[in-house]
Amino acid sequence: MTVKQNTAPATLSAQYNVGANCTIGGGALQTGMDYSGSLGAGYYGTKGPSLTVAKANSTTTLAPITGAKVGTATTLTATITGGTAGQTVEFYDGTTKIGSTGLNSNGTATFAWTPTTAGNHAISAKFPDTATTNGSQSAPQTVQVTQNVNSTVALAPITNAKVGQASTLTATVNPAAAGGTIEFKDGDTILGTSPVGANGTATLPWTPNAGGGHTIHAAFSGRDGVNASTTTAQVTVAEADVNSTVALAPVTGAKVGTATTLAATVAPAAVGGTIEFKDGDTVLGTSPVGADGTATLPWTPSAGGGHTLHASFSGRDGVNPSTTTGQVTVAEADVNSTVALAPVTGAKVGQATTLTATVAPAGAGGTIEFKDGDTVLGTAPVGADGTATHQWTPAAAGAHTIHAAFSGRDGVNGSTTTGQVTVAEAPVDNTNSTTTLTPVTGAKVGTATTLKATINPAGAGGTVTFKDGTTILGTATVGADGTATYQWTPTTAGAHTINADYSGHGTTNASTTHATVTVAPTGGGNPGTGGGSLGSLFGGLFSGFGS
């Protein structure tokens, strides 16, 4: 400082900051001064006032504490004024010291406090006395410490898991509430993380890429007031389903009003699943698939024309669904027929009479079976004019009920009728006849064979009707030598009963015979004779009726 003074004494004053390393408590400190000026200079090392240095004051402030939980570290922060870096700051819970730490260069100290009990805690920060500074302590702060509850997490069972097919993983936390997340893992592989909803559940879609056993983990992150938890579950994943094919069997002969069987076959074949059959968009029905992979359904079409049939396989465990279509042409419904017997007059025992039946609508096809009561007389084909005939030689007089049954033909239903015929006794003066079949050898399927019948007496005239069982093969005229022949081409192998029915003629009575003929298959050997000579034995049984 500079002082100007001419006469009066001068007063000097100075400001001085006590250093942090100043010795305190050693008594008064002696001060002095040096000066220099225009009148000279001087040193007065003991002429200054005596000084006593006191400790500096401090303040301690504790930052607000929130969210304290049992078992969770909470940061306590104290701010000190008047302290220096490195000096100790202590923290208290009530009167219990819970820890201490050093003051940093910013005048703050922090401490991580982990409460062990829930409830109210009086937390304070204390700066202890130092050699140069008076200590201080913050006002106690009441801290509410909460305690989390434990949780459990459960995985819902997973069934029918398959490679390549999405399954849903579902985990449920207890206690239930919204908040937190669940991480799903397959072994060590993280599948994804989903939030927990208000009902405590979290879901995640999972598409396995490998079959076999899988360990699924569900880890709950925890939420405010609720601790984390985890669980595991074992899941067996089946291999991916194999593809299937379904084929509709061809449908032939379908007609309006006539039941037809629909059949569909699944490959690979095994029992299980169903097949739904449809006609266009109309569902016809559903049938189970059997062990051979097939399913059938009866179908009665209600309309003619083209139909698109669908067969849809539902799939079964390990096999995917499939479908197919097929085109079916449905014919219109068969028309009904009528059959009429022509009146029979003059019928006599032992004398051939022609039975004639006529079918309407007329047309070639089908057969008519003629019967006398319950006895089958024979079967004859229906010709183009709708008629069929049969030579009948009555064996007994009296009333006979004749039946004519039409078999039906394509597009025409069968029908039947009956007629009453009165047969008179044969005249006593007629001559009896015998009919003999020539033995047949070498008969083969597909090869023409000659059937030959001989009538005695020769020259009687008339006709012979040849039959295979009750089926009429044909009718031949008896020649002047008393023989009649017919070319027969067998269609089936085995034993055949060949009948030769002589019609009788004039005053000669009818007669009949039969023989067994063995027919070999195509290319077979000589079957031998079937006993044509029986004709002479049996023919006489039907003679003597008279005319």
Protein backbone atom coordinates (compact mmCIF):
# COMPACT_ATOMS: atom_id res chain seq x y z
CA MET A 1 0.00 0.00 0.00
CA THR A 2 1.10 3.68 -0.41
CA VAL A 3 0.55 6.26 2.37
CA LYS A 4 0.99 10.05 1.97
CA GLN A 5 1.59 11.78 5.35
CA ASN A 6 3.12 15.26 6.24
CA THR A 7 2.22 15.94 9.85
CA ALA A 8 -0.36 13.66 11.57
CA PRO A 9 0.26 9.95 12.33
CA ALA A 10 -0.95 7.48 9.64
CA THR A 11 -3.33 4.54 10.22
CA LEU A 12 -2.70 1.34 8.27
CA SER A 13 -5.15 -1.61 7.67
CA ALA A 14 -4.80 -4.97 5.74
CA GLN A 15 -6.94 -8.00 4.79
CA TYR A 16 -5.46 -11.51 5.23
CA ASN A 17 -6.82 -14.95 4.41
CA VAL A 18 -5.77 -17.66 6.83
CA GLY A 19 -4.38 -20.65 4.86
CA ALA A 20 -5.72 -24.14 5.26
CA ASN A 21 -2.40 -25.28 6.73
CA CYS A 22 -2.33 -22.58 9.32
CA THR A 23 -1.50 -23.80 12.81
CA ILE A 24 -4.51 -23.45 15.06
CA GLY A 25 -4.59 -23.75 18.81
CA GLY A 26 -0.92 -22.68 19.48
CA GLY A 27 -1.82 -19.30 20.98
CA ALA A 28 -1.83 -15.73 19.60
CA LEU A 29 0.19 -15.04 16.49
CA GLN A 30 2.51 -12.01 16.57
CA THR A 31 2.42 -9.70 13.52
CA GLY A 32 4.86 -7.03 12.24
CA MET A 33 5.38 -4.70 9.34
CA ASP A 34 7.99 -3.29 7.00
CA TYR A 35 7.72 0.07 5.35
CA SER A 36 9.66 2.33 3.00
CA GLY A 37 9.06 5.82 1.81
CA SER A 38 10.51 9.19 0.80
CA LEU A 39 11.56 9.83 4.36
CA GLY A 40 13.27 6.50 4.72
CA ALA A 41 12.46 2.86 5.54
CA GLY A 42 11.99 0.69 8.59
CA TYR A 43 11.31 -2.85 9.83
CA TYR A 44 9.11 -3.54 12.83
CA GLY A 45 8.74 -7.29 13.11
CA THR A 46 6.89 -7.19 16.44
CA LYS A 47 4.96 -3.98 16.18
CA GLY A 48 1.80 -5.52 14.63
CA PRO A 49 -1.32 -6.75 16.51
CA SER A 50 -1.57 -10.25 17.99
CA LEU A 51 -3.96 -12.60 16.04
CA THR A 52 -5.84 -15.67 17.27
CA VAL A 53 -7.04 -18.07 14.39
CA ALA A 54 -10.33 -20.02 15.00
CA LYS A 55 -11.62 -23.20 13.12
CA ALA A 56 -13.71 -22.71 10.00
CA ASN A 57 -17.43 -23.72 10.11
CA SER A 58 -18.99 -26.34 7.77
CA THR A 59 -22.48 -27.31 6.56
CA THR A 60 -23.73 -30.77 5.51
CA THR A 61 -26.70 -31.31 3.19
CA LEU A 62 -28.17 -34.76 2.26
CA ALA A 63 -29.82 -35.07 -1.17
CA PRO A 64 -33.42 -36.42 -1.19
CA ILE A 65 -33.62 -40.25 -1.18
CA THR A 66 -36.37 -42.03 -3.18
CA GLY A 67 -37.20 -45.56 -4.30
CA ALA A 68 -35.30 -47.34 -1.57
CA LYS A 69 -35.94 -51.11 -1.51
CA VAL A 70 -34.77 -53.93 0.67
CA GLY A 71 -31.85 -55.67 -0.99
CA THR A 72 -31.40 -52.99 -3.64
CA ALA A 73 -28.48 -50.52 -3.52
CA THR A 74 -29.56 -46.87 -3.13
CA THR A 75 -27.06 -43.99 -3.59
CA LEU A 76 -26.79 -41.49 -0.68
CA THR A 77 -25.27 -38.10 -1.71
CA ALA A 78 -24.01 -35.50 0.80
CA THR A 79 -22.76 -31.99 -0.07
CA ILE A 80 -20.24 -30.35 2.34
CA THR A 81 -19.28 -26.67 2.53
CA GLY A 82 -16.08 -25.87 4.44
CA GLY A 83 -14.49 -29.26 3.86
CA THR A 84 -11.57 -30.23 1.69
CA ALA A 85 -11.10 -33.16 -0.71
CA GLY A 86 -10.25 -36.39 1.00
CA GLN A 87 -11.90 -35.60 4.33
CA THR A 88 -14.31 -38.21 5.67
CA VAL A 89 -18.10 -38.02 5.51
CA GLU A 90 -20.16 -40.48 7.58
CA PHE A 91 -23.72 -41.73 6.89
CA TYR A 92 -26.15 -42.84 9.61
CA ASP A 93 -29.43 -44.77 9.84
CA GLY A 94 -30.74 -43.25 13.04
CA THR A 95 -27.78 -43.54 15.43
CA THR A 96 -26.27 -46.49 13.54
CA LYS A 97 -23.39 -45.68 11.29
CA ILE A 98 -23.99 -47.38 7.97
CA GLY A 99 -20.80 -46.31 6.17
CA SER A 100 -18.34 -43.56 5.32
CA THR A 101 -16.56 -42.23 2.25
CA GLY A 102 -14.16 -39.44 1.23
CA LEU A 103 -15.13 -35.99 0.07
CA ASN A 104 -14.36 -35.32 -3.60
CA SER A 105 -13.01 -32.13 -5.13
CA ASN A 106 -16.56 -30.91 -5.82
CA GLY A 107 -17.46 -31.02 -2.16
CA THR A 108 -19.71 -34.08 -2.42
CA ALA A 109 -19.55 -37.60 -1.06
CA THR A 110 -21.61 -40.62 -2.19
CA PHE A 111 -22.31 -43.95 -0.53
CA ALA A 112 -24.20 -47.05 -1.83
CA TRP A 113 -26.68 -48.12 0.84
CA THR A 114 -28.48 -51.49 0.61
CA PRO A 115 -31.35 -51.56 3.13
CA THR A 116 -31.93 -54.86 4.89
CA THR A 117 -35.33 -54.08 6.43
CA ALA A 118 -38.45 -52.40 5.18
CA GLY A 119 -40.13 -49.41 6.84
CA ASN A 120 -39.11 -45.87 7.84
CA HIS A 121 -35.42 -45.11 8.22
CA ALA A 122 -33.91 -41.80 9.54
CA ILE A 123 -30.94 -41.21 7.27
CA SER A 124 -28.40 -38.43 7.86
CA ALA A 125 -24.91 -37.42 6.73
CA LYS A 126 -22.25 -36.22 9.17
CA PHE A 127 -19.01 -34.28 8.53
CA PRO A 128 -16.77 -34.89 11.59
CA ASP A 129 -14.61 -32.15 13.17
CA THR A 130 -11.13 -31.69 11.65
CA ALA A 131 -8.12 -29.76 12.91
CA THR A 132 -9.22 -26.75 10.88
CA THR A 133 -12.98 -27.13 10.44
CA ASN A 134 -15.89 -27.62 12.78
CA GLY A 135 -18.02 -30.65 11.93
CA SER A 136 -21.68 -30.55 10.82
CA GLN A 137 -24.57 -32.98 10.30
CA SER A 138 -27.55 -32.90 7.97
CA ALA A 139 -31.07 -32.97 9.26
CA PRO A 140 -32.33 -36.60 9.36
CA GLN A 141 -34.35 -37.57 6.30
CA THR A 142 -37.19 -40.06 6.76
CA VAL A 143 -36.87 -42.69 4.01
CA GLN A 144 -39.63 -45.22 3.32
CA VAL A 145 -37.95 -48.53 2.39
CA THR A 146 -40.14 -51.04 0.55
CA GLN A 147 -39.56 -54.75 0.11
CA ASN A 148 -40.21 -56.69 -3.18
CA VAL A 149 -42.32 -59.86 -3.11
CA ASN A 150 -41.04 -63.02 -4.77
CA SER A 151 -42.60 -64.19 -8.02
CA THR A 152 -43.05 -67.50 -9.80
CA VAL A 153 -43.32 -68.06 -13.53
CA ALA A 154 -44.97 -71.12 -15.11
CA LEU A 155 -44.83 -72.35 -18.72
CA ALA A 156 -48.07 -73.70 -20.17
CA PRO A 157 -47.74 -77.27 -21.51
CA ILE A 158 -46.88 -77.43 -25.22
CA THR A 159 -48.42 -80.31 -27.15
CA ASN A 160 -48.34 -81.33 -30.81
CA ALA A 161 -45.22 -79.27 -31.53
CA LYS A 162 -43.85 -80.07 -35.00
CA VAL A 163 -40.91 -78.98 -37.09
CA GLY A 164 -41.93 -76.10 -39.34
CA GLN A 165 -45.28 -75.58 -37.60
CA ALA A 166 -45.94 -72.53 -35.39
CA SER A 167 -46.62 -73.20 -31.70
CA THR A 168 -47.40 -70.60 -29.04
CA LEU A 169 -45.23 -70.38 -25.93
CA THR A 170 -47.20 -69.03 -22.95
CA ALA A 171 -45.72 -68.11 -19.57
CA THR A 172 -47.71 -66.82 -16.57
CA VAL A 173 -46.28 -64.75 -13.69
CA ASN A 174 -47.66 -64.91 -10.14
CA PRO A 175 -48.59 -62.45 -8.65
CA ALA A 176 -50.34 -61.40 -11.86
CA ALA A 177 -50.12 -57.80 -13.04
CA ALA A 178 -48.89 -55.81 -16.00
CA GLY A 179 -45.21 -54.98 -16.05
CA GLY A 180 -41.86 -56.53 -16.77
CA THR A 181 -40.97 -58.89 -19.58
CA ILE A 182 -40.40 -62.60 -20.12
CA GLU A 183 -37.46 -63.84 -22.15
CA PHE A 184 -38.01 -67.20 -23.85
CA LYS A 185 -35.08 -69.44 -24.73
CA ASP A 186 -34.67 -72.85 -26.39
CA GLY A 187 -31.66 -74.16 -24.53
CA ASP A 188 -29.12 -71.30 -24.83
CA THR A 189 -30.78 -69.78 -27.89
CA ILE A 190 -32.91 -66.68 -27.22
CA LEU A 191 -36.24 -67.01 -29.02
CA GLY A 192 -37.57 -63.56 -28.08
CA THR A 193 -38.88 -61.29 -25.33
CA SER A 194 -42.53 -60.43 -24.69
CA PRO A 195 -44.19 -57.98 -22.27
CA VAL A 196 -46.25 -59.31 -19.35
CA GLY A 197 -49.91 -58.32 -19.60
CA ALA A 198 -52.44 -57.43 -16.91
CA ASN A 199 -53.32 -61.11 -16.45
CA GLY A 200 -49.67 -61.94 -15.82
CA THR A 201 -49.14 -63.77 -19.11
CA ALA A 202 -46.73 -63.31 -21.98
CA THR A 203 -46.80 -65.23 -25.25
CA LEU A 204 -44.37 -65.82 -28.11
CA PRO A 205 -44.88 -67.71 -31.39
CA TRP A 206 -42.26 -70.43 -31.89
CA THR A 207 -41.63 -72.51 -35.01
CA PRO A 208 -39.25 -75.37 -34.17
CA ASN A 209 -36.65 -76.22 -36.81
CA ALA A 210 -35.49 -79.52 -35.33
CA GLY A 211 -37.32 -82.54 -33.93
CA GLY A 212 -36.65 -84.22 -30.59
CA GLY A 213 -36.45 -82.93 -27.00
CA HIS A 214 -36.17 -79.18 -26.33
CA THR A 215 -35.59 -77.39 -22.99
CA ILE A 216 -37.64 -74.17 -22.98
CA HIS A 217 -36.70 -71.42 -20.49
CA ALA A 218 -38.95 -68.53 -19.40
CA ALA A 219 -37.19 -65.76 -17.43
CA PHE A 220 -39.31 -63.00 -15.80
CA SER A 221 -37.42 -59.70 -15.52
CA GLY A 222 -39.29 -58.58 -12.40
CA ARG A 223 -41.25 -55.35 -11.99
CA ASP A 224 -41.73 -52.64 -9.40
CA GLY A 225 -42.22 -54.42 -6.07
CA VAL A 226 -41.87 -57.94 -7.57
CA ASN A 227 -38.64 -59.90 -7.89
CA ALA A 228 -37.54 -61.75 -11.01
CA SER A 229 -37.99 -65.51 -11.43
CA THR A 230 -37.40 -68.24 -14.02
CA THR A 231 -38.61 -71.71 -14.99
CA THR A 232 -37.98 -74.44 -17.57
CA ALA A 233 -40.07 -77.06 -19.34
CA GLN A 234 -39.36 -80.03 -21.59
CA VAL A 235 -41.01 -80.08 -25.01
CA THR A 236 -40.94 -82.94 -27.51
CA VAL A 237 -41.04 -81.74 -31.11
CA ALA A 238 -42.27 -84.16 -33.77
CA GLU A 239 -40.76 -84.26 -37.23
CA ALA A 240 -42.48 -82.24 -39.96
CA ASP A 241 -45.64 -83.69 -41.51
CA VAL A 242 -45.27 -85.50 -44.83
CA ASN A 243 -47.41 -84.50 -47.79
CA SER A 244 -50.29 -86.69 -48.93
CA THR A 245 -52.15 -87.33 -52.15
CA VAL A 246 -55.78 -88.40 -52.55
CA ALA A 247 -57.19 -90.11 -55.63
CA LEU A 248 -60.84 -90.65 -56.62
CA ALA A 249 -61.68 -94.03 -58.10
CA PRO A 250 -63.35 -93.69 -61.54
CA VAL A 251 -67.15 -93.68 -61.34
CA THR A 252 -68.88 -95.50 -64.18
CA GLY A 253 -72.52 -96.28 -64.84
CA ALA A 254 -73.81 -93.45 -62.65
CA LYS A 255 -77.54 -92.82 -63.10
CA VAL A 256 -80.07 -90.46 -61.63
CA GLY A 257 -81.81 -92.15 -58.73
CA THR A 258 -79.40 -95.10 -58.60
CA ALA A 259 -76.96 -95.47 -55.69
CA THR A 260 -73.28 -95.28 -56.68
CA THR A 261 -70.30 -95.75 -54.37
CA LEU A 262 -67.68 -92.99 -54.29
CA ALA A 263 -64.21 -94.22 -53.23
CA ALA A 264 -61.11 -92.12 -52.51
CA THR A 265 -57.66 -93.44 -51.54
CA VAL A 266 -55.02 -91.53 -49.55
CA ALA A 267 -51.27 -92.08 -49.95
CA PRO A 268 -49.42 -92.82 -47.72
CA ALA A 269 -52.08 -95.31 -46.65
CA ALA A 270 -52.98 -95.67 -42.97
CA VAL A 271 -56.01 -95.38 -40.74
CA GLY A 272 -56.86 -91.87 -39.55
CA GLY A 273 -58.42 -88.64 -40.76
CA THR A 274 -61.52 -88.23 -42.89
CA ILE A 275 -62.43 -87.51 -46.50
CA GLU A 276 -65.14 -85.00 -47.33
CA PHE A 277 -66.92 -85.68 -50.62
CA LYS A 278 -68.59 -82.83 -52.53
CA ASP A 279 -70.55 -82.52 -55.76
CA GLY A 280 -69.47 -79.06 -56.86
CA ASP A 281 -70.06 -76.91 -53.76
CA THR A 282 -72.56 -79.32 -52.22
CA VAL A 283 -71.21 -81.45 -49.40
CA LEU A 284 -72.30 -85.06 -49.93
CA GLY A 285 -70.84 -86.43 -46.69
CA THR A 286 -67.69 -87.29 -44.74
CA SER A 287 -66.23 -90.77 -44.23
CA PRO A 288 -63.32 -92.05 -42.11
CA VAL A 289 -60.15 -93.27 -43.79
CA GLY A 290 -59.48 -96.97 -43.18
CA ALA A 291 -56.23 -98.86 -42.70
CA ASP A 292 -55.87 -99.28 -46.47
CA GLY A 293 -56.13 -95.51 -46.94
CA THR A 294 -59.59 -95.60 -48.52
CA ALA A 295 -62.89 -93.97 -47.64
CA THR A 296 -66.21 -94.66 -49.36
CA LEU A 297 -69.56 -92.89 -49.52
CA PRO A 298 -72.84 -93.96 -51.19
CA TRP A 299 -74.10 -91.31 -53.61
CA THR A 300 -77.44 -91.23 -55.40
CA PRO A 301 -77.30 -88.52 -58.10
CA SER A 302 -80.39 -86.38 -58.44
CA ALA A 303 -79.53 -84.77 -61.79
CA GLY A 304 -78.04 -86.02 -65.02
CA GLY A 305 -75.10 -84.54 -66.90
CA GLY A 306 -71.53 -83.64 -65.92
CA HIS A 307 -70.63 -83.49 -62.21
CA THR A 308 -67.33 -82.30 -60.63
CA LEU A 309 -66.65 -84.43 -57.56
CA HIS A 310 -64.21 -83.26 -54.88
CA ALA A 311 -62.47 -85.47 -52.29
CA SER A 312 -60.72 -83.54 -49.48
CA PHE A 313 -58.51 -85.42 -47.01
CA SER A 314 -58.44 -83.79 -43.56
CA GLY A 315 -54.91 -84.96 -42.79
CA ARG A 316 -53.87 -87.03 -39.79
CA ASP A 317 -51.05 -87.04 -37.26
CA GLY A 318 -47.85 -86.66 -39.27
CA VAL A 319 -49.58 -86.34 -42.67
CA ASN A 320 -50.73 -83.11 -44.32
CA PRO A 321 -54.20 -82.66 -45.92
CA SER A 322 -54.74 -82.93 -49.68
CA THR A 323 -57.58 -82.73 -52.18
CA THR A 324 -58.50 -83.89 -55.67
CA THR A 325 -61.35 -83.66 -58.16
CA GLY A 326 -62.87 -85.99 -60.73
CA GLN A 327 -65.37 -85.61 -63.54
CA VAL A 328 -68.40 -87.92 -63.60
CA THR A 329 -71.10 -88.13 -66.25
CA VAL A 330 -74.48 -89.10 -64.78
CA ALA A 331 -77.02 -90.72 -67.08
CA GLU A 332 -80.68 -89.93 -66.77
CA ALA A 333 -82.77 -92.31 -64.66
CA ASP A 334 -83.85 -95.63 -66.12
CA VAL A 335 -87.39 -95.68 -67.50
CA ASN A 336 -89.84 -98.24 -66.21
CA SER A 337 -90.87 -101.13 -68.40
CA THR A 338 -93.91 -103.37 -68.75
CA VAL A 339 -93.95 -106.95 -69.95
CA ALA A 340 -97.02 -108.67 -71.40
CA LEU A 341 -97.65 -112.40 -72.03
CA ALA A 342 -99.43 -113.30 -75.26
CA PRO A 343 -102.53 -115.45 -74.58
CA VAL A 344 -101.85 -119.20 -74.82
CA THR A 345 -104.63 -121.39 -76.31
CA GLY A 346 -104.82 -125.07 -77.19
CA ALA A 347 -102.08 -126.12 -74.78
CA LYS A 348 -101.94 -129.91 -74.32
CA VAL A 349 -99.81 -132.22 -72.25
CA GLY A 350 -96.77 -133.39 -74.24
CA GLN A 351 -97.27 -130.92 -77.05
CA ALA A 352 -94.95 -127.90 -77.52
CA THR A 353 -96.58 -124.52 -77.01
CA THR A 354 -94.90 -121.20 -77.69
CA LEU A 355 -94.80 -118.70 -74.81
CA THR A 356 -94.37 -115.13 -76.08
CA ALA A 357 -93.65 -112.09 -73.90
CA THR A 358 -93.35 -108.51 -75.15
CA VAL A 359 -91.45 -105.69 -73.37
CA ALA A 360 -92.38 -102.03 -73.67
CA PRO A 361 -90.53 -99.88 -74.52
CA ALA A 362 -89.36 -102.23 -77.25
CA GLY A 363 -85.67 -102.70 -77.90
CA ALA A 364 -83.03 -105.38 -78.06
CA GLY A 365 -81.35 -106.26 -74.79
CA GLY A 366 -81.98 -108.07 -71.56
CA THR A 367 -83.69 -111.42 -71.12
CA ILE A 368 -87.04 -112.83 -70.06
CA GLU A 369 -87.22 -115.71 -67.64
CA PHE A 370 -90.29 -117.91 -68.05
CA LYS A 371 -91.61 -119.92 -65.10
CA ASP A 372 -94.47 -122.31 -64.51
CA GLY A 373 -95.35 -121.49 -60.94
CA ASP A 374 -91.99 -121.75 -59.13
CA THR A 375 -90.40 -123.95 -61.81
CA VAL A 376 -88.04 -122.15 -64.18
CA LEU A 377 -88.85 -123.14 -67.77
CA GLY A 378 -86.08 -121.19 -69.46
CA THR A 379 -84.59 -117.80 -70.26
CA ALA A 380 -84.76 -116.16 -73.69
CA PRO A 381 -83.15 -112.96 -75.05
CA VAL A 382 -85.31 -109.98 -75.93
CA GLY A 383 -85.17 -109.06 -79.62
CA ALA A 384 -85.29 -105.70 -81.32
CA ASP A 385 -89.09 -105.84 -81.42
CA GLY A 386 -89.16 -106.30 -77.62
CA THR A 387 -90.30 -109.94 -77.76
CA ALA A 388 -88.88 -113.18 -76.39
CA THR A 389 -90.27 -116.68 -76.98
CA HIS A 390 -89.91 -120.08 -75.33
CA GLN A 391 -91.12 -123.54 -76.43
CA TRP A 392 -92.98 -125.06 -73.50
CA THR A 393 -94.16 -128.65 -73.43
CA PRO A 394 -96.58 -129.03 -70.50
CA ALA A 395 -96.13 -132.20 -68.47
CA ALA A 396 -99.40 -131.96 -66.54
CA ALA A 397 -102.94 -130.94 -67.35
CA GLY A 398 -104.88 -128.29 -65.50
CA ALA A 399 -104.41 -124.61 -64.63
CA HIS A 400 -100.86 -123.22 -64.82
CA THR A 401 -99.63 -119.79 -63.69
CA ILE A 402 -96.99 -118.62 -66.15
CA HIS A 403 -94.55 -115.90 -65.06
CA ALA A 404 -92.50 -113.72 -67.44
CA ALA A 405 -89.74 -111.67 -65.69
CA PHE A 406 -87.84 -109.05 -67.76
CA SER A 407 -84.25 -108.55 -66.47
CA GLY A 408 -84.07 -104.93 -67.58
CA ARG A 409 -81.47 -103.43 -69.92
CA ASP A 410 -79.35 -100.31 -70.05
CA GLY A 411 -81.68 -97.39 -69.33
CA VAL A 412 -84.76 -99.58 -68.78
CA ASN A 413 -85.82 -101.11 -65.49
CA GLY A 414 -86.95 -104.71 -65.13
CA SER A 415 -90.57 -105.77 -64.79
CA THR A 416 -92.70 -108.92 -64.47
CA THR A 417 -96.15 -110.26 -65.31
CA THR A 418 -98.19 -113.45 -65.00
CA GLY A 419 -100.76 -115.23 -67.13
CA GLN A 420 -103.14 -118.15 -66.58
CA VAL A 421 -102.97 -121.10 -69.02
CA THR A 422 -105.27 -124.14 -69.05
CA VAL A 423 -103.52 -127.33 -70.28
CA ALA A 424 -105.63 -130.21 -71.66
CA GLU A 425 -104.78 -133.89 -71.41
CA ALA A 426 -102.90 -135.41 -74.38
CA PRO A 427 -104.93 -137.53 -76.87
CA VAL A 428 -104.54 -141.27 -76.18
CA ASP A 429 -103.91 -142.20 -79.80
CA ASN A 430 -100.75 -140.03 -80.26
CA THR A 431 -97.39 -141.64 -80.83
CA ASN A 432 -94.70 -141.16 -78.19
CA SER A 433 -91.26 -139.90 -79.24
CA THR A 434 -87.74 -140.13 -77.87
CA THR A 435 -84.99 -137.58 -78.14
CA THR A 436 -81.30 -138.55 -78.05
CA LEU A 437 -78.29 -136.18 -77.82
CA THR A 438 -75.13 -137.21 -79.66
CA PRO A 439 -72.16 -137.21 -77.19
CA VAL A 440 -70.14 -133.96 -77.36
CA THR A 441 -66.32 -134.18 -77.19
CA GLY A 442 -63.57 -131.57 -77.43
CA ALA A 443 -65.71 -128.64 -76.36
CA LYS A 444 -63.58 -125.53 -75.63
CA VAL A 445 -64.31 -121.97 -74.66
CA GLY A 446 -64.54 -119.85 -77.79
CA THR A 447 -64.67 -122.80 -80.21
CA ALA A 448 -67.85 -123.72 -82.11
CA THR A 449 -69.25 -127.15 -81.18
CA THR A 450 -72.09 -128.97 -82.93
CA LEU A 451 -75.02 -130.08 -80.78
CA LYS A 452 -77.06 -132.86 -82.47
CA ALA A 453 -80.40 -134.36 -81.38
CA THR A 454 -82.08 -137.36 -83.00
CA ILE A 455 -85.88 -137.81 -82.87
CA ASN A 456 -87.59 -141.19 -83.06
CA PRO A 457 -89.79 -141.75 -84.99
CA ALA A 458 -87.84 -140.12 -87.81
CA GLY A 459 -89.71 -137.87 -90.15
CA ALA A 460 -92.11 -136.73 -87.44
CA GLY A 461 -91.23 -133.09 -88.11
CA GLY A 462 -91.30 -130.34 -85.51
CA THR A 463 -88.35 -128.50 -83.84
CA VAL A 464 -85.72 -129.05 -81.14
CA THR A 465 -84.84 -126.28 -78.69
CA PHE A 466 -81.30 -126.52 -77.30
CA LYS A 467 -80.65 -125.03 -73.85
CA ASP A 468 -77.61 -124.62 -71.58
CA GLY A 469 -79.30 -125.16 -68.25
CA THR A 470 -82.35 -122.89 -68.50
CA THR A 471 -80.74 -120.53 -71.04
CA ILE A 472 -82.05 -121.03 -74.57
CA LEU A 473 -79.20 -121.45 -77.06
CA GLY A 474 -81.35 -121.78 -80.16
CA THR A 475 -84.06 -123.78 -82.01
CA ALA A 476 -83.49 -126.07 -85.01
CA THR A 477 -85.94 -127.83 -87.35
CA VAL A 478 -86.09 -131.63 -87.33
CA GLY A 479 -85.08 -132.96 -90.73
CA ALA A 480 -86.47 -135.91 -92.68
CA ASP A 481 -83.78 -138.10 -91.07
CA GLY A 482 -85.11 -137.17 -87.63
CA THR A 483 -82.07 -135.00 -86.64
CA ALA A 484 -81.69 -131.36 -85.62
CA THR A 485 -78.33 -129.58 -85.12
CA TYR A 486 -77.15 -126.32 -83.54
CA GLN A 487 -73.74 -124.63 -83.52
CA TRP A 488 -72.84 -123.73 -79.90
CA THR A 489 -69.77 -121.67 -78.90
CA PRO A 490 -69.23 -122.00 -75.12
CA THR A 491 -68.19 -118.86 -73.22
CA THR A 492 -67.24 -120.46 -69.89
CA ALA A 493 -65.30 -123.58 -68.93
CA GLY A 494 -66.59 -126.37 -66.72
CA ALA A 495 -69.61 -128.69 -66.66
CA HIS A 496 -72.67 -127.62 -68.67
CA THR A 497 -76.08 -129.33 -68.70
CA ILE A 498 -77.30 -129.34 -72.29
CA ASN A 499 -81.05 -129.86 -72.79
CA ALA A 500 -82.71 -130.89 -76.08
CA ASP A 501 -86.49 -130.27 -76.03
CA TYR A 502 -88.43 -131.79 -78.96
CA SER A 503 -91.62 -129.84 -79.66
CA GLY A 504 -93.64 -132.76 -80.93
CA HIS A 505 -95.56 -132.50 -84.20
CA GLY A 506 -98.91 -133.65 -85.53
CA THR A 507 -99.76 -136.89 -83.73
CA THR A 508 -96.23 -137.33 -82.36
CA ASN A 509 -95.80 -136.32 -78.72
CA ALA A 510 -92.98 -134.09 -77.45
CA SER A 511 -89.97 -135.49 -75.61
CA THR A 512 -86.79 -134.18 -74.01
CA THR A 513 -83.34 -135.27 -72.93
CA HIS A 514 -80.20 -133.78 -71.42
CA ALA A 515 -76.49 -134.50 -71.18
CA THR A 516 -73.52 -133.12 -69.27
CA VAL A 517 -70.79 -131.56 -71.42
CA THR A 518 -67.42 -130.60 -69.98
CA VAL A 519 -65.99 -127.46 -71.58
CA ALA A 520 -62.22 -126.94 -71.44
CA PRO A 521 -60.63 -123.47 -71.14
CA THR A 522 -59.21 -121.88 -74.23
CA GLY A 523 -56.25 -123.99 -75.32
CA GLY A 524 -57.23 -126.85 -72.96
CA GLY A 525 -57.16 -130.56 -73.83
CA ASN A 526 -59.97 -132.79 -74.89
CA PRO A 527 -62.55 -132.74 -72.07
CA GLY A 528 -64.23 -135.92 -73.23
CA THR A 529 -67.86 -136.73 -73.49
CA GLY A 530 -70.48 -135.81 -70.95
CA GLY A 531 -72.87 -138.69 -71.47
CA GLY A 532 -75.08 -137.74 -74.40
CA SER A 533 -76.49 -141.27 -74.50
CA LEU A 534 -78.61 -140.40 -71.49
CA GLY A 535 -81.09 -139.01 -74.01
CA SER A 536 -82.35 -142.45 -74.91
CA LEU A 537 -82.84 -143.21 -71.22
CA PHE A 538 -84.68 -140.06 -70.26
CA GLY A 539 -86.45 -139.39 -73.53
CA GLY A 540 -88.89 -142.19 -72.97
CA LEU A 541 -89.96 -140.69 -69.67
CA PHE A 542 -91.64 -137.85 -71.54
CA SER A 543 -93.35 -139.86 -74.22
CA GLY A 544 -96.87 -141.21 -74.35
CA PHE A 545 -98.75 -137.98 -73.68
CA GLY A 546 -100.71 -138.10 -76.94
CA SER A 547 -102.01 -135.10 -78.85
